[in-house]
Amino acid sequence: MNSRYDFNKSDEGRLVYVRTVDVTDLPLDVQDQVDDCDTLYAVHRADGERLALVKERALAFELARQNDYSPVTVH
């Protein structure tokens, strides 16, 4: 069975990336809002735009799914 599939039409817009972020790498005004935590989890669109920062990895994935995104981990 051979069928052509146009990968250019894939739904890339619904894919988001979850990665760790050191709190010290964030702007000072954001650091001031973080309590007792060295690492946060960021949810990014494919173009790099940060959509969210949360304290727990599981929360980042759940947040993405609740908003109809497909999350993947960035190493």
PDB file of N, CA and C in Angstrom:
ATOM      1  N   MET A   1       0.848  -1.163   0.000  1.00  0.00           N
ATOM      2  CA  MET A   1       0.000   0.000   0.000  1.00  0.00           C
ATOM      3  C   MET A   1       0.899   1.233   0.000  1.00  0.00           C
ATOM      4  N   ASN A   2       0.871   1.981  -1.046  1.00  0.00           N
ATOM      5  CA  ASN A   2       1.627   3.224  -1.153  1.00  0.00           C
ATOM      6  C   ASN A   2       0.664   4.370  -1.352  1.00  0.00           C
ATOM      7  N   SER A   3       0.771   5.340  -0.490  1.00  0.00           N
ATOM      8  CA  SER A   3      -0.044   6.548  -0.605  1.00  0.00           C
ATOM      9  C   SER A   3       0.860   7.742  -0.370  1.00  0.00           C
ATOM     10  N   ARG A   4       0.637   8.770  -1.119  1.00  0.00           N
ATOM     11  CA  ARG A   4       1.396   9.996  -0.900  1.00  0.00           C
ATOM     12  C   ARG A   4       0.791  10.742   0.281  1.00  0.00           C
ATOM     13  N   TYR A   5       1.678  11.288   1.106  1.00  0.00           N
ATOM     14  CA  TYR A   5       1.235  12.094   2.228  1.00  0.00           C
ATOM     15  C   TYR A   5       1.972  13.410   2.166  1.00  0.00           C
ATOM     16  N   ASP A   6       1.250  14.489   2.186  1.00  0.00           N
ATOM     17  CA  ASP A   6       1.847  15.811   2.126  1.00  0.00           C
ATOM     18  C   ASP A   6       2.151  16.267   3.550  1.00  0.00           C
ATOM     19  N   PHE A   7       3.419  16.139   3.947  1.00  0.00           N
ATOM     20  CA  PHE A   7       3.822  16.506   5.296  1.00  0.00           C
ATOM     21  C   PHE A   7       3.757  18.011   5.526  1.00  0.00           C
ATOM     22  N   ASN A   8       3.717  18.794   4.487  1.00  0.00           N
ATOM     23  CA  ASN A   8       3.600  20.242   4.639  1.00  0.00           C
ATOM     24  C   ASN A   8       2.247  20.647   5.208  1.00  0.00           C
ATOM     25  N   LYS A   9       1.291  19.756   5.122  1.00  0.00           N
ATOM     26  CA  LYS A   9      -0.042  20.057   5.637  1.00  0.00           C
ATOM     27  C   LYS A   9      -0.237  19.538   7.063  1.00  0.00           C
ATOM     28  N   SER A  10       0.820  19.012   7.669  1.00  0.00           N
ATOM     29  CA  SER A  10       0.676  18.480   9.021  1.00  0.00           C
ATOM     30  C   SER A  10       0.345  19.610   9.986  1.00  0.00           C
ATOM     31  N   ASP A  11      -0.240  19.246  11.088  1.00  0.00           N
ATOM     32  CA  ASP A  11      -0.728  20.232  12.048  1.00  0.00           C
ATOM     33  C   ASP A  11       0.370  20.622  13.030  1.00  0.00           C
ATOM     34  N   GLU A  12       1.460  21.220  12.524  1.00  0.00           N
ATOM     35  CA  GLU A  12       2.572  21.637  13.371  1.00  0.00           C
ATOM     36  C   GLU A  12       2.152  22.648  14.418  1.00  0.00           C
ATOM     37  N   GLY A  13       1.170  23.450  14.115  1.00  0.00           N
ATOM     38  CA  GLY A  13       0.738  24.504  15.007  1.00  0.00           C
ATOM     39  C   GLY A  13       0.227  24.012  16.341  1.00  0.00           C
ATOM     40  N   ARG A  14      -0.069  22.745  16.469  1.00  0.00           N
ATOM     41  CA  ARG A  14      -0.600  22.190  17.710  1.00  0.00           C
ATOM     42  C   ARG A  14       0.475  21.464  18.514  1.00  0.00           C
ATOM     43  N   LEU A  15       1.719  21.478  18.038  1.00  0.00           N
ATOM     44  CA  LEU A  15       2.825  20.831  18.735  1.00  0.00           C
ATOM     45  C   LEU A  15       3.524  21.861  19.610  1.00  0.00           C
ATOM     46  N   VAL A  16       3.758  21.532  20.883  1.00  0.00           N
ATOM     47  CA  VAL A  16       4.499  22.405  21.782  1.00  0.00           C
ATOM     48  C   VAL A  16       5.616  21.605  22.441  1.00  0.00           C
ATOM     49  N   TYR A  17       6.622  22.327  22.897  1.00  0.00           N
ATOM     50  CA  TYR A  17       7.801  21.716  23.500  1.00  0.00           C
ATOM     51  C   TYR A  17       7.894  22.102  24.966  1.00  0.00           C
ATOM     52  N   VAL A  18       8.186  21.125  25.806  1.00  0.00           N
ATOM     53  CA  VAL A  18       8.354  21.352  27.235  1.00  0.00           C
ATOM     54  C   VAL A  18       9.832  21.193  27.548  1.00  0.00           C
ATOM     55  N   ARG A  19      10.402  22.204  28.212  1.00  0.00           N
ATOM     56  CA  ARG A  19      11.818  22.122  28.583  1.00  0.00           C
ATOM     57  C   ARG A  19      12.031  22.746  29.946  1.00  0.00           C
ATOM     58  N   THR A  20      13.119  22.366  30.588  1.00  0.00           N
ATOM     59  CA  THR A  20      13.451  22.942  31.885  1.00  0.00           C
ATOM     60  C   THR A  20      14.099  24.308  31.676  1.00  0.00           C
ATOM     61  N   VAL A  21      13.893  25.181  32.650  1.00  0.00           N
ATOM     62  CA  VAL A  21      14.471  26.519  32.627  1.00  0.00           C
ATOM     63  C   VAL A  21      15.026  26.800  34.015  1.00  0.00           C
ATOM     64  N   ASP A  22      16.294  27.189  34.088  1.00  0.00           N
ATOM     65  CA  ASP A  22      16.862  27.606  35.367  1.00  0.00           C
ATOM     66  C   ASP A  22      16.276  28.964  35.738  1.00  0.00           C
ATOM     67  N   VAL A  23      15.840  29.082  36.965  1.00  0.00           N
ATOM     68  CA  VAL A  23      15.240  30.332  37.416  1.00  0.00           C
ATOM     69  C   VAL A  23      16.229  31.486  37.252  1.00  0.00           C
ATOM     70  N   THR A  24      17.518  31.220  37.433  1.00  0.00           N
ATOM     71  CA  THR A  24      18.531  32.281  37.308  1.00  0.00           C
ATOM     72  C   THR A  24      18.657  32.809  35.887  1.00  0.00           C
ATOM     73  N   ASP A  25      18.130  32.078  34.897  1.00  0.00           N
ATOM     74  CA  ASP A  25      18.161  32.530  33.500  1.00  0.00           C
ATOM     75  C   ASP A  25      16.971  33.423  33.145  1.00  0.00           C
ATOM     76  N   LEU A  26      16.046  33.576  34.072  1.00  0.00           N
ATOM     77  CA  LEU A  26      14.848  34.377  33.818  1.00  0.00           C
ATOM     78  C   LEU A  26      15.083  35.831  34.211  1.00  0.00           C
ATOM     79  N   PRO A  27      14.291  36.751  33.669  1.00  0.00           N
ATOM     80  CA  PRO A  27      14.400  38.161  34.080  1.00  0.00           C
ATOM     81  C   PRO A  27      14.174  38.307  35.591  1.00  0.00           C
ATOM     82  N   LEU A  28      14.789  39.312  36.187  1.00  0.00           N
ATOM     83  CA  LEU A  28      14.695  39.499  37.637  1.00  0.00           C
ATOM     84  C   LEU A  28      13.271  39.639  38.136  1.00  0.00           C
ATOM     85  N   ASP A  29      12.411  40.310  37.377  1.00  0.00           N
ATOM     86  CA  ASP A  29      11.032  40.465  37.830  1.00  0.00           C
ATOM     87  C   ASP A  29      10.296  39.131  37.890  1.00  0.00           C
ATOM     88  N   VAL A  30      10.670  38.205  37.023  1.00  0.00           N
ATOM     89  CA  VAL A  30      10.071  36.865  37.066  1.00  0.00           C
ATOM     90  C   VAL A  30      10.692  36.069  38.212  1.00  0.00           C
ATOM     91  N   GLN A  31      12.005  36.180  38.399  1.00  0.00           N
ATOM     92  CA  GLN A  31      12.673  35.480  39.499  1.00  0.00           C
ATOM     93  C   GLN A  31      12.067  35.859  40.847  1.00  0.00           C
ATOM     94  N   ASP A  32      11.694  37.123  40.997  1.00  0.00           N
ATOM     95  CA  ASP A  32      11.114  37.587  42.256  1.00  0.00           C
ATOM     96  C   ASP A  32       9.773  36.928  42.555  1.00  0.00           C
ATOM     97  N   GLN A  33       9.117  36.391  41.551  1.00  0.00           N
ATOM     98  CA  GLN A  33       7.813  35.765  41.737  1.00  0.00           C
ATOM     99  C   GLN A  33       7.909  34.266  42.022  1.00  0.00           C
ATOM    100  N   VAL A  34       9.116  33.712  41.934  1.00  0.00           N
ATOM    101  CA  VAL A  34       9.318  32.275  42.116  1.00  0.00           C
ATOM    102  C   VAL A  34       9.755  32.007  43.549  1.00  0.00           C
ATOM    103  N   ASP A  35       9.046  31.115  44.233  1.00  0.00           N
ATOM    104  CA  ASP A  35       9.369  30.773  45.618  1.00  0.00           C
ATOM    105  C   ASP A  35      10.014  29.393  45.699  1.00  0.00           C
ATOM    106  N   ASP A  36      11.158  29.312  46.386  1.00  0.00           N
ATOM    107  CA  ASP A  36      11.784  28.033  46.729  1.00  0.00           C
ATOM    108  C   ASP A  36      11.875  27.052  45.565  1.00  0.00           C
ATOM    109  N   CYS A  37      12.355  27.510  44.437  1.00  0.00           N
ATOM    110  CA  CYS A  37      12.427  26.658  43.262  1.00  0.00           C
ATOM    111  C   CYS A  37      13.624  27.081  42.416  1.00  0.00           C
ATOM    112  N   ASP A  38      14.416  26.120  41.977  1.00  0.00           N
ATOM    113  CA  ASP A  38      15.577  26.422  41.135  1.00  0.00           C
ATOM    114  C   ASP A  38      15.283  26.218  39.653  1.00  0.00           C
ATOM    115  N   THR A  39      14.295  25.376  39.380  1.00  0.00           N
ATOM    116  CA  THR A  39      13.976  25.028  37.997  1.00  0.00           C
ATOM    117  C   THR A  39      12.475  25.139  37.760  1.00  0.00           C
ATOM    118  N   LEU A  40      12.134  25.672  36.603  1.00  0.00           N
ATOM    119  CA  LEU A  40      10.744  25.716  36.159  1.00  0.00           C
ATOM    120  C   LEU A  40      10.641  24.961  34.841  1.00  0.00           C
ATOM    121  N   TYR A  41       9.433  24.770  34.364  1.00  0.00           N
ATOM    122  CA  TYR A  41       9.194  24.108  33.085  1.00  0.00           C
ATOM    123  C   TYR A  41       8.481  25.085  32.161  1.00  0.00           C
ATOM    124  N   ALA A  42       9.037  25.243  30.979  1.00  0.00           N
ATOM    125  CA  ALA A  42       8.487  26.164  29.997  1.00  0.00           C
ATOM    126  C   ALA A  42       7.792  25.388  28.891  1.00  0.00           C
ATOM    127  N   VAL A  43       6.695  25.932  28.423  1.00  0.00           N
ATOM    128  CA  VAL A  43       5.970  25.381  27.274  1.00  0.00           C
ATOM    129  C   VAL A  43       6.182  26.372  26.126  1.00  0.00           C
ATOM    130  N   HIS A  44       6.757  25.876  25.023  1.00  0.00           N
ATOM    131  CA  HIS A  44       7.085  26.721  23.872  1.00  0.00           C
ATOM    132  C   HIS A  44       6.395  26.234  22.611  1.00  0.00           C
ATOM    133  N   ARG A  45       6.024  27.185  21.750  1.00  0.00           N
ATOM    134  CA  ARG A  45       5.562  26.832  20.408  1.00  0.00           C
ATOM    135  C   ARG A  45       6.766  26.447  19.570  1.00  0.00           C
ATOM    136  N   ALA A  46       6.520  25.891  18.399  1.00  0.00           N
ATOM    137  CA  ALA A  46       7.596  25.455  17.506  1.00  0.00           C
ATOM    138  C   ALA A  46       8.488  26.612  17.082  1.00  0.00           C
ATOM    139  N   ASP A  47       7.948  27.827  17.031  1.00  0.00           N
ATOM    140  CA  ASP A  47       8.756  28.981  16.630  1.00  0.00           C
ATOM    141  C   ASP A  47       9.560  29.563  17.790  1.00  0.00           C
ATOM    142  N   GLY A  48       9.458  28.958  18.977  1.00  0.00           N
ATOM    143  CA  GLY A  48      10.241  29.382  20.129  1.00  0.00           C
ATOM    144  C   GLY A  48       9.509  30.281  21.106  1.00  0.00           C
ATOM    145  N   GLU A  49       8.324  30.740  20.756  1.00  0.00           N
ATOM    146  CA  GLU A  49       7.586  31.617  21.662  1.00  0.00           C
ATOM    147  C   GLU A  49       7.190  30.858  22.925  1.00  0.00           C
ATOM    148  N   ARG A  50       7.514  31.430  24.077  1.00  0.00           N
ATOM    149  CA  ARG A  50       7.157  30.807  25.350  1.00  0.00           C
ATOM    150  C   ARG A  50       5.693  31.094  25.639  1.00  0.00           C
ATOM    151  N   LEU A  51       4.941  30.030  25.902  1.00  0.00           N
ATOM    152  CA  LEU A  51       3.525  30.152  26.191  1.00  0.00           C
ATOM    153  C   LEU A  51       3.231  30.131  27.682  1.00  0.00           C
ATOM    154  N   ALA A  52       4.060  29.405  28.439  1.00  0.00           N
ATOM    155  CA  ALA A  52       3.783  29.270  29.871  1.00  0.00           C
ATOM    156  C   ALA A  52       5.036  28.864  30.627  1.00  0.00           C
ATOM    157  N   LEU A  53       5.058  29.209  31.904  1.00  0.00           N
ATOM    158  CA  LEU A  53       6.065  28.743  32.858  1.00  0.00           C
ATOM    159  C   LEU A  53       5.324  28.146  34.043  1.00  0.00           C
ATOM    160  N   VAL A  54       5.695  26.926  34.418  1.00  0.00           N
ATOM    161  CA  VAL A  54       5.048  26.272  35.554  1.00  0.00           C
ATOM    162  C   VAL A  54       6.092  25.562  36.402  1.00  0.00           C
ATOM    163  N   LYS A  55       5.719  25.191  37.624  1.00  0.00           N
ATOM    164  CA  LYS A  55       6.668  24.576  38.554  1.00  0.00           C
ATOM    165  C   LYS A  55       6.897  23.084  38.321  1.00  0.00           C
ATOM    166  N   GLU A  56       5.929  22.391  37.744  1.00  0.00           N
ATOM    167  CA  GLU A  56       6.036  20.942  37.622  1.00  0.00           C
ATOM    168  C   GLU A  56       5.923  20.493  36.168  1.00  0.00           C
ATOM    169  N   ARG A  57       6.707  19.480  35.820  1.00  0.00           N
ATOM    170  CA  ARG A  57       6.703  18.951  34.456  1.00  0.00           C
ATOM    171  C   ARG A  57       5.325  18.402  34.085  1.00  0.00           C
ATOM    172  N   ALA A  58       4.738  17.647  34.996  1.00  0.00           N
ATOM    173  CA  ALA A  58       3.417  17.060  34.728  1.00  0.00           C
ATOM    174  C   ALA A  58       2.381  18.154  34.477  1.00  0.00           C
ATOM    175  N   LEU A  59       2.493  19.248  35.201  1.00  0.00           N
ATOM    176  CA  LEU A  59       1.570  20.360  35.012  1.00  0.00           C
ATOM    177  C   LEU A  59       1.747  20.992  33.631  1.00  0.00           C
ATOM    178  N   ALA A  60       2.983  21.082  33.164  1.00  0.00           N
ATOM    179  CA  ALA A  60       3.243  21.632  31.827  1.00  0.00           C
ATOM    180  C   ALA A  60       2.564  20.776  30.757  1.00  0.00           C
ATOM    181  N   PHE A  61       2.673  19.461  30.884  1.00  0.00           N
ATOM    182  CA  PHE A  61       2.048  18.557  29.917  1.00  0.00           C
ATOM    183  C   PHE A  61       0.529  18.636  29.996  1.00  0.00           C
ATOM    184  N   GLU A  62      -0.005  18.670  31.204  1.00  0.00           N
ATOM    185  CA  GLU A  62      -1.458  18.742  31.374  1.00  0.00           C
ATOM    186  C   GLU A  62      -2.010  20.057  30.833  1.00  0.00           C
ATOM    187  N   LEU A  63      -1.315  21.138  31.103  1.00  0.00           N
ATOM    188  CA  LEU A  63      -1.721  22.449  30.601  1.00  0.00           C
ATOM    189  C   LEU A  63      -1.774  22.457  29.074  1.00  0.00           C
ATOM    190  N   ALA A  64      -0.757  21.879  28.458  1.00  0.00           N
ATOM    191  CA  ALA A  64      -0.718  21.806  26.996  1.00  0.00           C
ATOM    192  C   ALA A  64      -1.893  20.987  26.465  1.00  0.00           C
ATOM    193  N   ARG A  65      -2.115  19.828  27.043  1.00  0.00           N
ATOM    194  CA  ARG A  65      -3.210  18.960  26.571  1.00  0.00           C
ATOM    195  C   ARG A  65      -4.579  19.592  26.772  1.00  0.00           C
ATOM    196  N   GLN A  66      -4.763  20.292  27.886  1.00  0.00           N
ATOM    197  CA  GLN A  66      -6.049  20.944  28.144  1.00  0.00           C
ATOM    198  C   GLN A  66      -6.340  22.040  27.127  1.00  0.00           C
ATOM    199  N   ASN A  67      -5.288  22.528  26.483  1.00  0.00           N
ATOM    200  CA  ASN A  67      -5.455  23.573  25.475  1.00  0.00           C
ATOM    201  C   ASN A  67      -5.276  23.026  24.059  1.00  0.00           C
ATOM    202  N   ASP A  68      -5.496  21.723  23.918  1.00  0.00           N
ATOM    203  CA  ASP A  68      -5.473  21.032  22.627  1.00  0.00           C
ATOM    204  C   ASP A  68      -4.124  21.090  21.913  1.00  0.00           C
ATOM    205  N   TYR A  69      -3.038  21.097  22.696  1.00  0.00           N
ATOM    206  CA  TYR A  69      -1.693  21.012  22.133  1.00  0.00           C
ATOM    207  C   TYR A  69      -1.157  19.600  22.374  1.00  0.00           C
ATOM    208  N   SER A  70      -0.180  19.230  21.559  1.00  0.00           N
ATOM    209  CA  SER A  70       0.502  17.951  21.718  1.00  0.00           C
ATOM    210  C   SER A  70       1.905  18.248  22.251  1.00  0.00           C
ATOM    211  N   PRO A  71       2.156  18.006  23.551  1.00  0.00           N
ATOM    212  CA  PRO A  71       3.455  18.338  24.128  1.00  0.00           C
ATOM    213  C   PRO A  71       4.497  17.248  23.900  1.00  0.00           C
ATOM    214  N   VAL A  72       5.734  17.683  23.702  1.00  0.00           N
ATOM    215  CA  VAL A  72       6.875  16.788  23.626  1.00  0.00           C
ATOM    216  C   VAL A  72       8.005  17.404  24.445  1.00  0.00           C
ATOM    217  N   THR A  73       8.892  16.555  24.945  1.00  0.00           N
ATOM    218  CA  THR A  73      10.012  17.020  25.751  1.00  0.00           C
ATOM    219  C   THR A  73      11.179  17.419  24.855  1.00  0.00           C
ATOM    220  N   VAL A  74      11.834  18.509  25.232  1.00  0.00           N
ATOM    221  CA  VAL A  74      13.063  18.928  24.555  1.00  0.00           C
ATOM    222  C   VAL A  74      14.214  18.524  25.451  1.00  0.00           C
ATOM    223  N   HIS A  75      15.217  17.895  24.889  1.00  0.00           N
ATOM    224  CA  HIS A  75      16.369  17.444  25.686  1.00  0.00           C
ATOM    225  C   HIS A  75      17.429  18.503  25.726  1.00  0.00           C
TER     226      HIS A  75
END
